[in-house]
Amino acid sequence: MGAAARLAELGLELPEVALPLAAYVPAVRSGAYVYTSGQLPFVGGALPATGKVGTGPGLVPPDDAAGYARTCALNALAAVAAVVAAEGGPQGADALDRIVHVTKVVGFVASDPAFTAQPAVVNGASLLLHAVLGDAGVHARSAVGVAVLPMDSPVEVEIVVELA
């Protein structure tokens, strides 16, 4: 089953590529690899939540943050698909079938000082990549707690993929 069919089975579509917030591009290709910039969990051009992740009043719940990490990963896949399409390859979700392997995922979690479950949050991204890409979505990963992220986003995810 291809990535487009898996996305449809999950009830998902590739979103429009998020516009950069400064002087960079959403993704670049170097040889067989595509490196994405850090992707925020934009939905329709807006963040669904802001703030620090943790448990307690005024904090973004960890389960919600894992969902936002999933959205970040979907946005990263859209950036990869745009690179493939710009090179004359398949368009949209069909471009994802050119991914041989997700080699690395780095997730950043804006964390309350007492919060230490960053891996569980970033797992939202990991599970999406595996669900969409199958074995090609299994990857090495880092999950990093940080004080603050752009636009006060609770999470940010970047990926590196190898293309056929």
N, C-alpha and C. Protein backbone atom coordinates (compact mmCIF):
# COMPACT_ATOMS: atom_id res chain seq x y z
N MET A 1 0.85 -1.18 0.00
CA MET A 1 0.00 0.00 0.00
C MET A 1 0.90 1.24 0.00
N GLY A 2 0.57 2.21 -0.84
CA GLY A 2 1.36 3.43 -0.93
C GLY A 2 1.01 4.43 0.16
N ALA A 3 1.83 5.47 0.26
CA ALA A 3 1.63 6.49 1.29
C ALA A 3 0.30 7.21 1.13
N ALA A 4 -0.11 7.48 -0.10
CA ALA A 4 -1.39 8.18 -0.30
C ALA A 4 -2.55 7.34 0.25
N ALA A 5 -2.52 6.03 0.02
CA ALA A 5 -3.57 5.16 0.53
C ALA A 5 -3.52 5.09 2.05
N ARG A 6 -2.32 5.05 2.62
CA ARG A 6 -2.21 5.01 4.08
C ARG A 6 -2.74 6.29 4.70
N LEU A 7 -2.40 7.43 4.09
CA LEU A 7 -2.94 8.71 4.59
C LEU A 7 -4.46 8.70 4.56
N ALA A 8 -5.02 8.24 3.44
CA ALA A 8 -6.48 8.20 3.31
C ALA A 8 -7.09 7.28 4.36
N GLU A 9 -6.44 6.14 4.60
CA GLU A 9 -6.92 5.20 5.61
C GLU A 9 -6.92 5.83 7.00
N LEU A 10 -5.95 6.72 7.24
CA LEU A 10 -5.86 7.42 8.53
C LEU A 10 -6.77 8.65 8.59
N GLY A 11 -7.43 8.94 7.46
CA GLY A 11 -8.29 10.12 7.40
C GLY A 11 -7.51 11.42 7.32
N LEU A 12 -6.30 11.36 6.76
CA LEU A 12 -5.43 12.53 6.69
C LEU A 12 -5.15 12.92 5.24
N GLU A 13 -4.81 14.17 5.05
CA GLU A 13 -4.34 14.69 3.77
C GLU A 13 -3.07 15.47 4.03
N LEU A 14 -2.19 15.52 3.02
CA LEU A 14 -1.02 16.38 3.16
C LEU A 14 -1.48 17.83 3.14
N PRO A 15 -1.04 18.63 4.09
CA PRO A 15 -1.42 20.04 4.10
C PRO A 15 -0.56 20.84 3.11
N GLU A 16 -0.94 22.08 2.92
CA GLU A 16 -0.08 23.01 2.19
C GLU A 16 1.20 23.17 3.01
N VAL A 17 2.32 23.38 2.32
CA VAL A 17 3.58 23.58 3.03
C VAL A 17 3.52 24.91 3.78
N ALA A 18 3.88 24.87 5.04
CA ALA A 18 3.88 26.09 5.86
C ALA A 18 4.95 27.06 5.35
N LEU A 19 4.59 28.33 5.28
CA LEU A 19 5.53 29.35 4.85
C LEU A 19 6.59 29.56 5.93
N PRO A 20 7.84 29.76 5.52
CA PRO A 20 8.89 30.01 6.50
C PRO A 20 8.62 31.29 7.30
N LEU A 21 9.08 31.32 8.54
CA LEU A 21 8.91 32.48 9.41
C LEU A 21 10.06 33.47 9.26
N ALA A 22 11.11 33.10 8.52
CA ALA A 22 12.29 33.97 8.37
C ALA A 22 13.00 33.58 7.07
N ALA A 23 14.31 33.80 7.01
CA ALA A 23 15.08 33.59 5.78
C ALA A 23 15.60 32.16 5.66
N TYR A 24 14.70 31.24 5.33
CA TYR A 24 15.06 29.84 5.11
C TYR A 24 13.98 29.22 4.25
N VAL A 25 14.18 27.98 3.84
CA VAL A 25 13.18 27.26 3.05
C VAL A 25 12.66 26.08 3.88
N PRO A 26 11.47 25.57 3.55
CA PRO A 26 10.91 24.46 4.33
C PRO A 26 11.72 23.17 4.26
N ALA A 27 12.40 22.93 3.12
CA ALA A 27 13.20 21.70 2.98
C ALA A 27 14.19 21.89 1.84
N VAL A 28 15.33 21.20 1.94
CA VAL A 28 16.32 21.20 0.87
C VAL A 28 16.79 19.78 0.64
N ARG A 29 17.19 19.54 -0.60
CA ARG A 29 17.74 18.23 -0.96
C ARG A 29 19.25 18.36 -1.10
N SER A 30 19.95 17.36 -0.57
CA SER A 30 21.40 17.25 -0.75
C SER A 30 21.67 15.79 -1.07
N GLY A 31 22.04 15.53 -2.34
CA GLY A 31 22.24 14.15 -2.76
C GLY A 31 20.94 13.39 -2.66
N ALA A 32 20.96 12.26 -1.98
CA ALA A 32 19.77 11.42 -1.85
C ALA A 32 18.90 11.83 -0.66
N TYR A 33 19.31 12.85 0.08
CA TYR A 33 18.62 13.20 1.32
C TYR A 33 17.86 14.51 1.22
N VAL A 34 16.72 14.56 1.89
CA VAL A 34 15.97 15.80 2.06
C VAL A 34 15.97 16.11 3.55
N TYR A 35 16.35 17.34 3.86
CA TYR A 35 16.39 17.83 5.23
C TYR A 35 15.28 18.87 5.37
N THR A 36 14.39 18.68 6.32
CA THR A 36 13.36 19.69 6.52
C THR A 36 13.81 20.67 7.59
N SER A 37 13.31 21.88 7.48
CA SER A 37 13.44 22.83 8.57
C SER A 37 12.51 22.36 9.68
N GLY A 38 12.68 22.93 10.84
CA GLY A 38 11.77 22.59 11.93
C GLY A 38 10.35 22.97 11.55
N GLN A 39 9.44 22.04 11.72
CA GLN A 39 8.03 22.25 11.38
C GLN A 39 7.21 22.42 12.65
N LEU A 40 6.41 23.47 12.67
CA LEU A 40 5.50 23.69 13.78
C LEU A 40 4.17 23.01 13.46
N PRO A 41 3.30 22.86 14.45
CA PRO A 41 2.03 22.16 14.21
C PRO A 41 0.93 23.05 13.61
N PHE A 42 1.28 23.77 12.56
CA PHE A 42 0.29 24.63 11.92
C PHE A 42 -0.85 23.81 11.34
N VAL A 43 -2.05 24.28 11.55
CA VAL A 43 -3.25 23.72 10.94
C VAL A 43 -3.98 24.91 10.34
N GLY A 44 -4.10 24.93 9.01
CA GLY A 44 -4.76 26.06 8.37
C GLY A 44 -4.06 27.38 8.62
N GLY A 45 -2.74 27.35 8.77
CA GLY A 45 -1.96 28.57 8.97
C GLY A 45 -1.89 29.08 10.40
N ALA A 46 -2.46 28.35 11.35
CA ALA A 46 -2.45 28.79 12.75
C ALA A 46 -2.00 27.66 13.67
N LEU A 47 -1.45 28.03 14.81
CA LEU A 47 -1.10 27.04 15.82
C LEU A 47 -2.35 26.67 16.61
N PRO A 48 -2.59 25.37 16.84
CA PRO A 48 -3.77 24.97 17.61
C PRO A 48 -3.64 25.25 19.10
N ALA A 49 -2.41 25.45 19.57
CA ALA A 49 -2.18 25.75 20.99
C ALA A 49 -0.81 26.39 21.12
N THR A 50 -0.60 27.08 22.21
CA THR A 50 0.71 27.66 22.51
C THR A 50 1.02 27.38 23.98
N GLY A 51 2.29 27.50 24.31
CA GLY A 51 2.71 27.38 25.70
C GLY A 51 3.59 26.18 25.96
N LYS A 52 3.90 26.02 27.23
CA LYS A 52 4.78 24.95 27.69
C LYS A 52 4.00 23.66 27.89
N VAL A 53 4.68 22.55 27.69
CA VAL A 53 4.09 21.23 27.88
C VAL A 53 4.36 20.78 29.31
N GLY A 54 3.34 20.22 29.93
CA GLY A 54 3.48 19.69 31.28
C GLY A 54 2.13 19.32 31.83
N THR A 55 2.10 19.00 33.10
CA THR A 55 0.83 18.68 33.74
C THR A 55 0.52 19.77 34.75
N GLY A 56 -0.71 20.25 34.68
CA GLY A 56 -1.12 21.29 35.61
C GLY A 56 -1.80 22.44 34.90
N PRO A 57 -2.36 23.34 35.67
CA PRO A 57 -3.09 24.46 35.10
C PRO A 57 -2.21 25.34 34.20
N GLY A 58 -2.77 25.74 33.07
CA GLY A 58 -2.07 26.64 32.17
C GLY A 58 -1.03 25.98 31.28
N LEU A 59 -0.86 24.66 31.38
CA LEU A 59 0.14 23.95 30.58
C LEU A 59 -0.55 23.12 29.49
N VAL A 60 0.17 22.88 28.41
CA VAL A 60 -0.33 22.03 27.33
C VAL A 60 -0.19 20.58 27.78
N PRO A 61 -1.29 19.83 27.84
CA PRO A 61 -1.20 18.43 28.29
C PRO A 61 -0.31 17.59 27.36
N PRO A 62 0.46 16.68 27.91
CA PRO A 62 1.35 15.85 27.10
C PRO A 62 0.65 15.11 25.96
N ASP A 63 -0.54 14.58 26.19
CA ASP A 63 -1.25 13.88 25.12
C ASP A 63 -1.61 14.82 23.98
N ASP A 64 -2.01 16.04 24.31
CA ASP A 64 -2.28 17.04 23.27
C ASP A 64 -1.00 17.36 22.51
N ALA A 65 0.11 17.52 23.24
CA ALA A 65 1.39 17.84 22.61
C ALA A 65 1.83 16.72 21.67
N ALA A 66 1.57 15.46 22.03
CA ALA A 66 1.91 14.34 21.14
C ALA A 66 1.11 14.45 19.84
N GLY A 67 -0.15 14.87 19.94
CA GLY A 67 -0.94 15.11 18.73
C GLY A 67 -0.38 16.24 17.89
N TYR A 68 0.14 17.27 18.55
CA TYR A 68 0.75 18.38 17.80
C TYR A 68 2.06 17.92 17.14
N ALA A 69 2.80 17.03 17.79
CA ALA A 69 4.01 16.48 17.17
C ALA A 69 3.64 15.68 15.92
N ARG A 70 2.53 14.98 15.98
CA ARG A 70 2.03 14.25 14.81
C ARG A 70 1.75 15.23 13.67
N THR A 71 1.13 16.36 13.99
CA THR A 71 0.86 17.38 12.98
C THR A 71 2.16 17.94 12.41
N CYS A 72 3.14 18.14 13.26
CA CYS A 72 4.46 18.61 12.79
C CYS A 72 5.04 17.63 11.78
N ALA A 73 4.95 16.34 12.07
CA ALA A 73 5.48 15.32 11.17
C ALA A 73 4.73 15.33 9.84
N LEU A 74 3.43 15.51 9.88
CA LEU A 74 2.64 15.59 8.65
C LEU A 74 3.07 16.82 7.83
N ASN A 75 3.32 17.93 8.51
CA ASN A 75 3.81 19.12 7.82
C ASN A 75 5.19 18.89 7.24
N ALA A 76 6.03 18.13 7.93
CA ALA A 76 7.36 17.82 7.40
C ALA A 76 7.25 16.94 6.15
N LEU A 77 6.34 15.98 6.16
CA LEU A 77 6.13 15.15 4.97
C LEU A 77 5.65 16.00 3.79
N ALA A 78 4.83 16.99 4.06
CA ALA A 78 4.38 17.90 2.99
C ALA A 78 5.57 18.65 2.41
N ALA A 79 6.51 19.07 3.25
CA ALA A 79 7.70 19.78 2.77
C ALA A 79 8.56 18.85 1.90
N VAL A 80 8.69 17.60 2.30
CA VAL A 80 9.44 16.62 1.49
C VAL A 80 8.74 16.41 0.15
N ALA A 81 7.44 16.24 0.17
CA ALA A 81 6.67 16.02 -1.07
C ALA A 81 6.83 17.21 -2.01
N ALA A 82 6.90 18.41 -1.47
CA ALA A 82 7.07 19.60 -2.31
C ALA A 82 8.43 19.60 -3.00
N VAL A 83 9.46 19.13 -2.32
CA VAL A 83 10.80 19.02 -2.93
C VAL A 83 10.76 18.02 -4.08
N VAL A 84 10.15 16.87 -3.85
CA VAL A 84 10.06 15.84 -4.90
C VAL A 84 9.29 16.39 -6.10
N ALA A 85 8.17 17.04 -5.86
CA ALA A 85 7.35 17.60 -6.94
C ALA A 85 8.10 18.68 -7.71
N ALA A 86 8.86 19.51 -7.00
CA ALA A 86 9.62 20.59 -7.65
C ALA A 86 10.70 20.05 -8.57
N GLU A 87 11.14 18.83 -8.32
CA GLU A 87 12.16 18.19 -9.16
C GLU A 87 11.52 17.43 -10.32
N GLY A 88 10.21 17.57 -10.49
CA GLY A 88 9.52 16.89 -11.58
C GLY A 88 9.04 15.50 -11.24
N GLY A 89 9.09 15.15 -9.97
CA GLY A 89 8.61 13.84 -9.53
C GLY A 89 7.12 13.84 -9.30
N PRO A 90 6.62 12.78 -8.69
CA PRO A 90 5.19 12.69 -8.40
C PRO A 90 4.71 13.86 -7.54
N GLN A 91 3.44 14.16 -7.64
CA GLN A 91 2.84 15.27 -6.90
C GLN A 91 2.12 14.77 -5.66
N GLY A 92 1.95 15.65 -4.68
CA GLY A 92 1.15 15.36 -3.50
C GLY A 92 1.65 14.15 -2.73
N ALA A 93 0.72 13.42 -2.15
CA ALA A 93 1.07 12.27 -1.31
C ALA A 93 1.80 11.18 -2.09
N ASP A 94 1.57 11.10 -3.42
CA ASP A 94 2.28 10.10 -4.21
C ASP A 94 3.79 10.32 -4.17
N ALA A 95 4.22 11.57 -3.93
CA ALA A 95 5.65 11.87 -3.84
C ALA A 95 6.30 11.16 -2.67
N LEU A 96 5.52 10.84 -1.65
CA LEU A 96 6.07 10.19 -0.46
C LEU A 96 6.54 8.77 -0.74
N ASP A 97 6.06 8.18 -1.83
CA ASP A 97 6.52 6.84 -2.18
C ASP A 97 7.97 6.83 -2.64
N ARG A 98 8.56 8.00 -2.86
CA ARG A 98 9.98 8.10 -3.19
C ARG A 98 10.86 7.99 -1.95
N ILE A 99 10.26 8.05 -0.76
CA ILE A 99 11.04 7.95 0.48
C ILE A 99 11.46 6.51 0.69
N VAL A 100 12.77 6.30 0.73
CA VAL A 100 13.34 4.98 1.00
C VAL A 100 13.40 4.75 2.51
N HIS A 101 13.71 5.83 3.25
CA HIS A 101 13.94 5.68 4.68
C HIS A 101 13.91 7.04 5.36
N VAL A 102 13.22 7.13 6.46
CA VAL A 102 13.36 8.29 7.34
C VAL A 102 14.57 7.98 8.21
N THR A 103 15.62 8.77 8.05
CA THR A 103 16.85 8.43 8.77
C THR A 103 16.94 9.07 10.14
N LYS A 104 16.34 10.26 10.30
CA LYS A 104 16.47 10.95 11.59
C LYS A 104 15.26 11.85 11.82
N VAL A 105 14.81 11.87 13.05
CA VAL A 105 13.77 12.78 13.51
C VAL A 105 14.32 13.49 14.74
N VAL A 106 14.16 14.81 14.76
CA VAL A 106 14.52 15.59 15.94
C VAL A 106 13.28 16.34 16.37
N GLY A 107 12.88 16.13 17.61
CA GLY A 107 11.71 16.81 18.15
C GLY A 107 12.09 17.69 19.32
N PHE A 108 11.55 18.88 19.32
CA PHE A 108 11.78 19.84 20.39
C PHE A 108 10.45 20.06 21.12
N VAL A 109 10.50 20.04 22.43
CA VAL A 109 9.30 20.20 23.24
C VAL A 109 9.53 21.38 24.19
N ALA A 110 8.71 22.43 24.05
CA ALA A 110 8.78 23.55 25.00
C ALA A 110 8.24 23.02 26.33
N SER A 111 9.12 22.88 27.29
CA SER A 111 8.78 22.11 28.49
C SER A 111 8.74 22.95 29.75
N ASP A 112 7.72 22.69 30.55
CA ASP A 112 7.70 23.18 31.92
C ASP A 112 8.95 22.59 32.59
N PRO A 113 9.60 23.32 33.51
CA PRO A 113 10.83 22.80 34.13
C PRO A 113 10.70 21.42 34.77
N ALA A 114 9.51 21.06 35.25
CA ALA A 114 9.33 19.76 35.90
C ALA A 114 9.00 18.64 34.91
N PHE A 115 8.81 18.97 33.63
CA PHE A 115 8.37 17.97 32.65
C PHE A 115 9.56 17.21 32.08
N THR A 116 9.49 15.87 32.09
CA THR A 116 10.61 15.05 31.59
C THR A 116 10.17 13.98 30.59
N ALA A 117 8.96 14.08 30.08
CA ALA A 117 8.45 13.04 29.18
C ALA A 117 8.49 13.49 27.71
N GLN A 118 9.55 14.18 27.34
CA GLN A 118 9.70 14.62 25.95
C GLN A 118 9.64 13.46 24.96
N PRO A 119 10.24 12.29 25.25
CA PRO A 119 10.14 11.18 24.30
C PRO A 119 8.70 10.77 24.01
N ALA A 120 7.83 10.79 25.00
CA ALA A 120 6.43 10.41 24.78
C ALA A 120 5.73 11.42 23.88
N VAL A 121 6.08 12.70 23.99
CA VAL A 121 5.49 13.73 23.14
C VAL A 121 5.95 13.53 21.70
N VAL A 122 7.25 13.39 21.49
CA VAL A 122 7.80 13.26 20.14
C VAL A 122 7.38 11.94 19.50
N ASN A 123 6.96 10.99 20.33
CA ASN A 123 6.47 9.72 19.80
C ASN A 123 5.26 9.92 18.88
N GLY A 124 4.52 10.99 19.09
CA GLY A 124 3.42 11.30 18.18
C GLY A 124 3.90 11.42 16.74
N ALA A 125 5.04 12.06 16.55
CA ALA A 125 5.63 12.18 15.21
C ALA A 125 6.10 10.83 14.71
N SER A 126 6.77 10.08 15.57
CA SER A 126 7.31 8.78 15.17
C SER A 126 6.20 7.82 14.74
N LEU A 127 5.12 7.79 15.49
CA LEU A 127 4.02 6.88 15.16
C LEU A 127 3.37 7.26 13.83
N LEU A 128 3.25 8.56 13.56
CA LEU A 128 2.67 8.97 12.28
C LEU A 128 3.57 8.55 11.12
N LEU A 129 4.87 8.77 11.25
CA LEU A 129 5.78 8.42 10.16
C LEU A 129 5.73 6.92 9.87
N HIS A 130 5.66 6.11 10.90
CA HIS A 130 5.56 4.66 10.69
C HIS A 130 4.23 4.29 10.07
N ALA A 131 3.15 4.93 10.52
CA ALA A 131 1.82 4.62 9.99
C ALA A 131 1.71 4.98 8.51
N VAL A 132 2.33 6.08 8.10
CA VAL A 132 2.23 6.54 6.71
C VAL A 132 3.23 5.82 5.81
N LEU A 133 4.43 5.56 6.31
CA LEU A 133 5.51 5.05 5.46
C LEU A 133 5.87 3.59 5.71
N GLY A 134 5.22 2.95 6.67
CA GLY A 134 5.56 1.57 6.97
C GLY A 134 6.99 1.46 7.48
N ASP A 135 7.68 0.41 7.08
CA ASP A 135 9.05 0.20 7.54
C ASP A 135 9.99 1.33 7.16
N ALA A 136 9.71 2.04 6.08
CA ALA A 136 10.55 3.18 5.68
C ALA A 136 10.45 4.33 6.68
N GLY A 137 9.43 4.30 7.54
CA GLY A 137 9.25 5.36 8.53
C GLY A 137 9.93 5.13 9.86
N VAL A 138 10.58 3.97 10.02
CA VAL A 138 11.31 3.68 11.26
C VAL A 138 12.63 4.45 11.23
N HIS A 139 12.99 5.12 12.32
CA HIS A 139 14.08 6.10 12.28
C HIS A 139 14.83 6.19 13.60
N ALA A 140 15.98 6.85 13.54
CA ALA A 140 16.67 7.29 14.75
C ALA A 140 16.03 8.60 15.17
N ARG A 141 16.11 8.94 16.48
CA ARG A 141 15.38 10.11 16.95
C ARG A 141 16.03 10.74 18.17
N SER A 142 15.86 12.05 18.26
CA SER A 142 16.19 12.78 19.48
C SER A 142 14.95 13.53 19.92
N ALA A 143 14.72 13.59 21.23
CA ALA A 143 13.61 14.35 21.81
C ALA A 143 14.21 15.29 22.85
N VAL A 144 14.10 16.58 22.59
CA VAL A 144 14.82 17.58 23.38
C VAL A 144 13.83 18.54 24.04
N GLY A 145 13.99 18.75 25.33
CA GLY A 145 13.22 19.76 26.03
C GLY A 145 13.90 21.11 25.91
N VAL A 146 13.12 22.14 25.59
CA VAL A 146 13.66 23.50 25.44
C VAL A 146 12.79 24.48 26.22
N ALA A 147 13.34 25.67 26.44
CA ALA A 147 12.62 26.68 27.22
C ALA A 147 11.48 27.30 26.43
N VAL A 148 11.68 27.54 25.15
CA VAL A 148 10.66 28.19 24.33
C VAL A 148 10.93 27.87 22.87
N LEU A 149 9.87 27.86 22.07
CA LEU A 149 9.97 27.62 20.63
C LEU A 149 9.35 28.80 19.88
N PRO A 150 9.61 28.91 18.57
CA PRO A 150 9.05 30.01 17.80
C PRO A 150 7.53 30.12 17.98
N MET A 151 7.05 31.34 18.07
CA MET A 151 5.62 31.64 18.20
C MET A 151 4.99 30.98 19.43
N ASP A 152 5.81 30.60 20.40
CA ASP A 152 5.38 29.93 21.63
C ASP A 152 4.73 28.58 21.35
N SER A 153 5.15 27.95 20.23
CA SER A 153 4.65 26.62 19.89
C SER A 153 5.06 25.62 20.97
N PRO A 154 4.21 24.65 21.27
CA PRO A 154 4.60 23.64 22.25
C PRO A 154 5.58 22.60 21.71
N VAL A 155 5.59 22.39 20.38
CA VAL A 155 6.48 21.39 19.78
C VAL A 155 6.97 21.86 18.42
N GLU A 156 8.09 21.27 17.99
CA GLU A 156 8.66 21.49 16.67
C GLU A 156 9.37 20.19 16.27
N VAL A 157 9.23 19.81 15.02
CA VAL A 157 9.83 18.55 14.56
C VAL A 157 10.51 18.79 13.22
N GLU A 158 11.71 18.21 13.07
CA GLU A 158 12.39 18.21 11.77
C GLU A 158 12.74 16.76 11.43
N ILE A 159 12.79 16.47 10.12
CA ILE A 159 13.12 15.11 9.69
C ILE A 159 14.16 15.14 8.59
N VAL A 160 14.85 14.03 8.46
CA VAL A 160 15.78 13.79 7.35
C VAL A 160 15.31 12.49 6.70
N VAL A 161 15.11 12.54 5.37
CA VAL A 161 14.69 11.34 4.65
C VAL A 161 15.63 11.06 3.51
N GLU A 162 15.76 9.78 3.18
CA GLU A 162 16.51 9.36 2.00
C GLU A 162 15.50 9.06 0.90
N LEU A 163 15.77 9.60 -0.30
CA LEU A 163 14.89 9.38 -1.45
C LEU A 163 15.49 8.37 -2.42
N ALA A 164 14.64 7.67 -3.13
CA ALA A 164 15.08 6.76 -4.19
C ALA A 164 15.47 7.58 -5.39
